[in-house]
Amino acid sequence: MSEPGMKCSRCTAPARFRFPAHNARFCDDCLEVFVLRQVERAIAKFKMLTPGQKVLVAVSGGKDSLACWQILKELGYQAEGLHVSLELGAGQFSDASLASCQEMAQRLEAPLHLLRMEDLTGHSVEDISRANQRNFCSVCGTLKRYYLNKLCLDLGFDTLATGHHLDDEAGRLLGNMIRRHQRHLDNQWPVLEGTPGGFAKKIKPMCRLAGREIKAYAKARDLPVAQGHCPRSKGATLPYYQEAVLLLEERMPGTTRDFYLGFLEDKVKPPVQPDVASSCSVCGAPTYAEACTTCRFLEKTARRKQERTGAAQAQS
């Protein structure tokens, strides 16, 4: 990331960080200016927020979400944090993630809303995955999207920010292209507009920043980043596409930015939020089916647990 005797491209002071994609080198102070300007450009370009707006940031304890929270606060937004604990890895991974979020909240002197997925659903994510015979990551992603949206609205916010960055979005774009997921391609955008009473507005302020740039920022600001990775992420496909994009980036710096930002430029305008006329018969959330996916997951999990309990009682 750095080289002996390297000078900052902006102020000529000794530099710690080098970014070939921008043909630039930065000291800690100038790195912060660069990062904040990239986020400001994304917010302005895609009309994510209004000055000083209240926004809820989904924080996991990782570098991306903590950096997103820090940056939005520095840019003057009323940013509060939301952490939903999944309690994975015998508590170690989840405990470290929670501790990082709590330390970050103290640093920023900002409210942090804490909830447990098991309290929200009545079941562990593992139980829901098994009962529905679905991939763990798929189930976890569905539940997180549902509850982050619901909690955002319940807490009185209309906008939810996540730490998804350039590498995430480029990897997802590549995967959607390879698999020919046209609907996902049509909907891929850094902003998903909300609908009153149904969906919160979702924004990705970090979409112009690469993972290595965020990592450098987290290091320069000494953010309390949780160490380790989700113990159940094995089998997720997105990292494979990200690796492919990063391989090209190493050979041809700037490829990731050209790929993703060029895709957005070609789209000309953002996708239209789908008009979902029906509501879930259980929770009232917008859905195309009689019951939303999350409620179907929970109903099946509860039914399977009752069946197992009944079978155990019959044998005793």
Protein backbone atom coordinates (compact mmCIF):
# COMPACT_ATOMS: atom_id res chain seq x y z
CA MET A 1 0.00 0.00 0.00
CA SER A 2 2.95 2.32 0.66
CA GLU A 3 6.53 2.77 -0.55
CA PRO A 4 9.60 4.30 1.17
CA GLY A 5 9.98 8.01 0.43
CA MET A 6 6.49 8.28 -1.07
CA LYS A 7 5.08 11.82 -1.16
CA CYS A 8 1.44 12.84 -0.93
CA SER A 9 0.01 13.85 -4.32
CA ARG A 10 -2.00 16.61 -2.69
CA CYS A 11 0.34 18.24 -0.16
CA THR A 12 3.76 16.56 -0.80
CA ALA A 13 4.02 15.44 2.84
CA PRO A 14 5.19 11.86 3.50
CA ALA A 15 2.45 9.52 2.29
CA ARG A 16 1.27 6.19 3.70
CA PHE A 17 -1.24 5.13 1.08
CA ARG A 18 -0.99 4.60 -2.66
CA PHE A 19 -3.97 4.07 -4.96
CA PRO A 20 -3.01 3.13 -8.54
CA ALA A 21 -6.62 3.49 -9.75
CA HIS A 22 -6.34 7.24 -9.11
CA ASN A 23 -2.59 7.47 -9.73
CA ALA A 24 -2.47 9.10 -6.30
CA ARG A 25 -0.64 8.87 -2.98
CA PHE A 26 -2.01 10.30 0.26
CA CYS A 27 -0.95 11.18 3.76
CA ASP A 28 -3.53 10.53 6.50
CA ASP A 29 -5.05 14.02 6.38
CA CYS A 30 -5.34 14.14 2.60
CA LEU A 31 -6.72 10.62 2.52
CA GLU A 32 -9.60 11.82 4.69
CA VAL A 33 -10.27 14.72 2.31
CA PHE A 34 -10.28 12.31 -0.64
CA VAL A 35 -12.64 9.86 1.06
CA LEU A 36 -15.09 12.52 2.20
CA ARG A 37 -15.17 14.07 -1.26
CA GLN A 38 -15.92 10.71 -2.88
CA VAL A 39 -18.86 10.20 -0.52
CA GLU A 40 -20.06 13.78 -1.05
CA ARG A 41 -19.99 13.22 -4.81
CA ALA A 42 -22.03 10.03 -4.50
CA ILE A 43 -24.60 11.68 -2.23
CA ALA A 44 -24.98 14.66 -4.57
CA LYS A 45 -24.91 12.68 -7.82
CA PHE A 46 -27.59 10.22 -6.76
CA LYS A 47 -29.60 12.58 -4.53
CA MET A 48 -29.20 10.35 -1.49
CA LEU A 49 -29.64 12.88 1.32
CA THR A 50 -30.49 16.50 2.00
CA PRO A 51 -28.12 18.64 4.14
CA GLY A 52 -28.24 17.68 7.83
CA GLN A 53 -30.82 14.96 7.21
CA LYS A 54 -31.57 12.29 9.79
CA VAL A 55 -30.35 8.88 8.59
CA LEU A 56 -30.04 5.41 10.12
CA VAL A 57 -26.82 3.51 9.39
CA ALA A 58 -26.81 -0.29 9.46
CA VAL A 59 -23.58 -1.15 11.28
CA SER A 60 -22.07 -4.63 11.54
CA GLY A 61 -18.80 -3.78 13.27
CA GLY A 62 -16.81 -4.14 10.04
CA LYS A 63 -14.69 -1.40 8.46
CA ASP A 64 -17.20 -0.49 5.75
CA SER A 65 -20.22 0.22 7.92
CA LEU A 66 -18.21 1.90 10.68
CA ALA A 67 -16.50 4.13 8.12
CA CYS A 68 -19.88 4.96 6.59
CA TRP A 69 -21.20 6.04 10.00
CA GLN A 70 -18.08 8.09 10.75
CA ILE A 71 -18.14 9.84 7.37
CA LEU A 72 -21.85 10.71 7.46
CA LYS A 73 -21.37 12.22 10.91
CA GLU A 74 -18.39 14.25 9.70
CA LEU A 75 -20.42 15.51 6.76
CA GLY A 76 -23.01 16.88 9.16
CA TYR A 77 -25.80 14.30 8.91
CA GLN A 78 -27.80 13.19 11.94
CA ALA A 79 -26.56 9.63 11.66
CA GLU A 80 -27.59 7.01 14.21
CA GLY A 81 -26.51 3.38 14.20
CA LEU A 82 -28.51 0.15 14.05
CA HIS A 83 -26.91 -3.19 14.90
CA VAL A 84 -28.82 -6.47 14.64
CA SER A 85 -26.88 -9.26 16.33
CA LEU A 86 -27.00 -12.68 14.67
CA GLU A 87 -25.09 -14.37 17.52
CA LEU A 88 -22.92 -16.55 15.32
CA GLY A 89 -19.67 -18.37 15.99
CA ALA A 90 -20.35 -19.43 19.58
CA GLY A 91 -20.76 -15.75 20.45
CA GLN A 92 -17.17 -14.77 19.59
CA PHE A 93 -17.82 -13.20 16.19
CA SER A 94 -21.07 -11.56 17.25
CA ASP A 95 -19.63 -10.33 20.57
CA ALA A 96 -16.69 -8.70 18.78
CA SER A 97 -19.04 -7.09 16.25
CA LEU A 98 -21.28 -5.72 18.99
CA ALA A 99 -18.32 -4.36 20.97
CA SER A 100 -17.00 -2.56 17.88
CA CYS A 101 -20.37 -0.92 17.23
CA GLN A 102 -20.69 0.17 20.86
CA GLU A 103 -17.19 1.68 20.89
CA MET A 104 -17.92 3.51 17.64
CA ALA A 105 -21.15 4.94 19.09
CA GLN A 106 -19.21 6.24 22.09
CA ARG A 107 -16.61 7.88 19.84
CA LEU A 108 -19.25 9.57 17.73
CA GLU A 109 -21.48 10.35 20.73
CA ALA A 110 -24.34 9.03 18.62
CA PRO A 111 -27.25 6.73 19.49
CA LEU A 112 -26.88 3.04 18.67
CA HIS A 113 -29.99 0.88 18.42
CA LEU A 114 -29.29 -2.75 19.36
CA LEU A 115 -31.48 -5.77 18.63
CA ARG A 116 -31.04 -9.54 18.44
CA MET A 117 -32.30 -11.43 15.40
CA GLU A 118 -33.57 -14.23 17.62
CA ASP A 119 -35.67 -11.75 19.64
CA LEU A 120 -37.14 -10.38 16.41
CA THR A 121 -37.97 -13.75 14.88
CA GLY A 122 -38.39 -16.06 17.86
CA HIS A 123 -35.89 -18.47 16.28
CA SER A 124 -32.18 -18.63 15.48
CA VAL A 125 -31.18 -18.02 11.87
CA GLU A 126 -29.78 -21.56 11.86
CA ASP A 127 -33.18 -23.01 12.85
CA ILE A 128 -34.96 -20.97 10.17
CA SER A 129 -32.46 -22.09 7.54
CA ARG A 130 -32.85 -25.77 8.46
CA ALA A 131 -36.63 -25.70 8.75
CA ASN A 132 -36.97 -24.13 5.30
CA GLN A 133 -34.15 -26.19 3.75
CA ARG A 134 -32.60 -23.03 2.38
CA ASN A 135 -29.02 -21.82 2.13
CA PHE A 136 -27.99 -20.04 5.34
CA CYS A 137 -26.70 -16.90 3.58
CA SER A 138 -29.87 -16.61 1.52
CA VAL A 139 -32.09 -16.85 4.60
CA CYS A 140 -29.90 -14.49 6.60
CA GLY A 141 -29.93 -11.93 3.79
CA THR A 142 -33.71 -12.09 3.48
CA LEU A 143 -34.20 -11.63 7.21
CA LYS A 144 -31.74 -8.75 7.45
CA ARG A 145 -33.33 -6.88 4.55
CA TYR A 146 -36.78 -7.32 6.06
CA TYR A 147 -35.89 -6.30 9.61
CA LEU A 148 -33.52 -3.47 8.70
CA ASN A 149 -36.31 -1.96 6.63
CA LYS A 150 -38.93 -2.54 9.34
CA LEU A 151 -36.75 -1.24 12.16
CA CYS A 152 -35.76 1.83 10.16
CA LEU A 153 -39.41 2.80 9.79
CA ASP A 154 -40.33 1.77 13.36
CA LEU A 155 -37.55 3.99 14.73
CA GLY A 156 -38.89 7.00 12.85
CA PHE A 157 -36.36 7.16 10.00
CA ASP A 158 -37.18 7.24 6.30
CA THR A 159 -33.63 6.52 5.02
CA LEU A 160 -31.30 3.59 5.71
CA ALA A 161 -27.60 3.75 4.77
CA THR A 162 -25.40 0.69 4.32
CA GLY A 163 -21.65 0.31 3.89
CA HIS A 164 -21.72 -1.37 0.47
CA HIS A 165 -18.75 -0.12 -1.54
CA LEU A 166 -17.39 -0.15 -5.08
CA ASP A 167 -16.01 -3.71 -4.92
CA ASP A 168 -19.31 -5.03 -3.56
CA GLU A 169 -21.33 -3.37 -6.30
CA ALA A 170 -18.94 -4.32 -9.10
CA GLY A 171 -18.91 -7.94 -7.93
CA ARG A 172 -22.69 -8.01 -7.80
CA LEU A 173 -22.88 -6.44 -11.25
CA LEU A 174 -20.55 -9.06 -12.70
CA GLY A 175 -22.54 -11.88 -11.12
CA ASN A 176 -25.82 -10.53 -12.45
CA MET A 177 -24.36 -10.19 -15.93
CA ILE A 178 -22.91 -13.70 -15.99
CA ARG A 179 -26.14 -15.23 -14.68
CA ARG A 180 -28.26 -12.99 -16.91
CA HIS A 181 -30.38 -11.72 -14.02
CA GLN A 182 -31.95 -8.92 -16.02
CA ARG A 183 -34.36 -7.89 -13.26
CA HIS A 184 -31.48 -7.45 -10.83
CA LEU A 185 -29.52 -5.51 -13.45
CA ASP A 186 -32.50 -3.24 -14.02
CA ASN A 187 -32.77 -2.55 -10.28
CA GLN A 188 -29.06 -2.13 -9.47
CA TRP A 189 -28.54 1.46 -8.38
CA PRO A 190 -26.94 3.20 -5.36
CA VAL A 191 -30.36 4.43 -4.23
CA LEU A 192 -33.63 2.58 -3.89
CA GLU A 193 -36.44 5.03 -3.27
CA GLY A 194 -38.86 4.29 -0.46
CA THR A 195 -42.62 4.16 -0.37
CA PRO A 196 -44.72 5.65 2.45
CA GLY A 197 -45.59 3.04 5.05
CA GLY A 198 -43.86 0.25 3.17
CA PHE A 199 -40.21 0.68 2.30
CA ALA A 200 -37.54 2.97 3.68
CA LYS A 201 -35.22 4.67 1.22
CA LYS A 202 -31.99 2.63 0.90
CA ILE A 203 -28.72 4.38 0.07
CA LYS A 204 -25.09 3.31 -0.49
CA PRO A 205 -22.95 6.41 0.15
CA MET A 206 -19.68 4.42 -0.17
CA CYS A 207 -20.36 3.25 -3.73
CA ARG A 208 -17.49 5.30 -5.21
CA LEU A 209 -14.90 3.96 -2.75
CA ALA A 210 -12.97 0.71 -3.20
CA GLY A 211 -12.48 -1.68 -0.32
CA ARG A 212 -8.76 -0.91 -0.07
CA GLU A 213 -9.52 2.83 0.14
CA ILE A 214 -11.96 2.25 2.99
CA LYS A 215 -9.46 -0.04 4.70
CA ALA A 216 -6.84 2.72 4.50
CA TYR A 217 -9.31 5.25 5.91
CA ALA A 218 -10.19 2.92 8.78
CA LYS A 219 -6.49 2.50 9.53
CA ALA A 220 -5.76 6.22 9.36
CA ARG A 221 -8.69 7.03 11.67
CA ASP A 222 -8.01 4.01 13.91
CA LEU A 223 -11.62 2.85 13.73
CA PRO A 224 -12.53 0.05 16.19
CA VAL A 225 -13.05 -2.55 13.47
CA ALA A 226 -14.09 -6.06 14.57
CA GLN A 227 -11.67 -8.73 13.46
CA GLY A 228 -12.66 -11.97 11.74
CA HIS A 229 -15.34 -12.97 9.28
CA CYS A 230 -18.82 -14.41 9.52
CA PRO A 231 -18.37 -18.14 10.34
CA ARG A 232 -21.34 -19.00 8.11
CA SER A 233 -20.26 -17.08 5.00
CA LYS A 234 -18.84 -20.21 3.39
CA GLY A 235 -20.85 -20.91 0.25
CA ALA A 236 -21.70 -17.28 -0.51
CA THR A 237 -21.08 -16.62 -4.21
CA LEU A 238 -20.51 -12.85 -4.20
CA PRO A 239 -16.87 -13.14 -2.99
CA TYR A 240 -15.99 -15.17 -6.11
CA TYR A 241 -17.19 -12.39 -8.39
CA GLN A 242 -15.40 -9.81 -6.25
CA GLU A 243 -12.18 -11.81 -6.56
CA ALA A 244 -12.55 -11.83 -10.34
CA VAL A 245 -13.03 -8.06 -10.41
CA LEU A 246 -10.07 -7.50 -8.07
CA LEU A 247 -7.87 -9.70 -10.26
CA LEU A 248 -8.59 -7.41 -13.20
CA GLU A 249 -8.05 -4.38 -10.97
CA GLU A 250 -4.58 -5.60 -10.00
CA ARG A 251 -3.64 -6.01 -13.67
CA MET A 252 -5.43 -2.87 -14.90
CA PRO A 253 -5.97 -0.26 -12.16
CA GLY A 254 -9.21 1.64 -12.57
CA THR A 255 -11.09 -1.26 -14.16
CA THR A 256 -13.51 -1.60 -11.23
CA ARG A 257 -14.49 2.07 -11.30
CA ASP A 258 -14.89 2.07 -15.08
CA PHE A 259 -16.98 -1.10 -14.95
CA TYR A 260 -19.44 -0.05 -12.26
CA LEU A 261 -19.64 3.72 -12.72
CA GLY A 262 -19.83 3.25 -16.49
CA PHE A 263 -22.77 0.90 -15.99
CA LEU A 264 -24.55 3.55 -13.93
CA GLU A 265 -23.86 6.26 -16.52
CA ASP A 266 -25.32 4.09 -19.28
CA LYS A 267 -28.54 3.58 -17.30
CA VAL A 268 -29.23 7.36 -17.49
CA LYS A 269 -31.97 7.26 -14.83
CA PRO A 270 -32.66 5.29 -11.64
CA PRO A 271 -35.04 2.35 -11.53
CA VAL A 272 -38.64 2.96 -10.54
CA GLN A 273 -39.72 1.48 -7.22
CA PRO A 274 -42.12 -1.38 -8.06
CA ASP A 275 -45.76 -0.77 -7.29
CA VAL A 276 -46.69 -3.53 -4.86
CA ALA A 277 -50.44 -3.40 -4.55
CA SER A 278 -50.95 -6.19 -1.98
CA SER A 279 -49.88 -6.49 1.65
CA CYS A 280 -48.69 -9.47 3.65
CA SER A 281 -51.64 -11.11 5.41
CA VAL A 282 -49.47 -11.65 8.50
CA CYS A 283 -47.35 -8.52 9.01
CA GLY A 284 -48.81 -6.03 6.52
CA ALA A 285 -45.55 -5.48 4.63
CA PRO A 286 -45.77 -4.94 0.86
CA THR A 287 -45.53 -8.24 -1.03
CA TYR A 288 -46.53 -9.91 -4.27
CA ALA A 289 -47.75 -13.04 -2.46
CA GLU A 290 -50.39 -13.56 0.20
CA ALA A 291 -47.65 -13.68 2.82
CA CYS A 292 -44.15 -12.17 2.54
CA THR A 293 -41.06 -14.40 2.39
CA THR A 294 -40.02 -13.66 5.96
CA CYS A 295 -43.43 -14.53 7.39
CA ARG A 296 -43.48 -17.76 5.35
CA PHE A 297 -40.04 -18.62 6.72
CA LEU A 298 -41.18 -18.03 10.30
CA GLU A 299 -44.48 -19.89 9.89
CA LYS A 300 -42.74 -22.96 8.50
CA THR A 301 -40.09 -22.85 11.22
CA ALA A 302 -42.74 -22.69 13.95
CA ARG A 303 -44.67 -25.54 12.34
CA ARG A 304 -41.56 -27.73 12.11
CA LYS A 305 -40.74 -27.07 15.76
CA GLN A 306 -44.27 -28.06 16.78
CA GLU A 307 -44.01 -31.25 14.74
CA ARG A 308 -40.73 -32.18 16.39
CA THR A 309 -42.15 -31.43 19.83
CA GLY A 310 -45.21 -33.55 19.12
CA ALA A 311 -43.07 -36.43 17.85
CA ALA A 312 -40.86 -36.27 20.93
CA GLN A 313 -43.86 -36.30 23.24
CA ALA A 314 -45.36 -39.27 21.42
CA GLN A 315 -42.18 -41.28 21.92
CA SER A 316 -41.90 -40.49 25.62
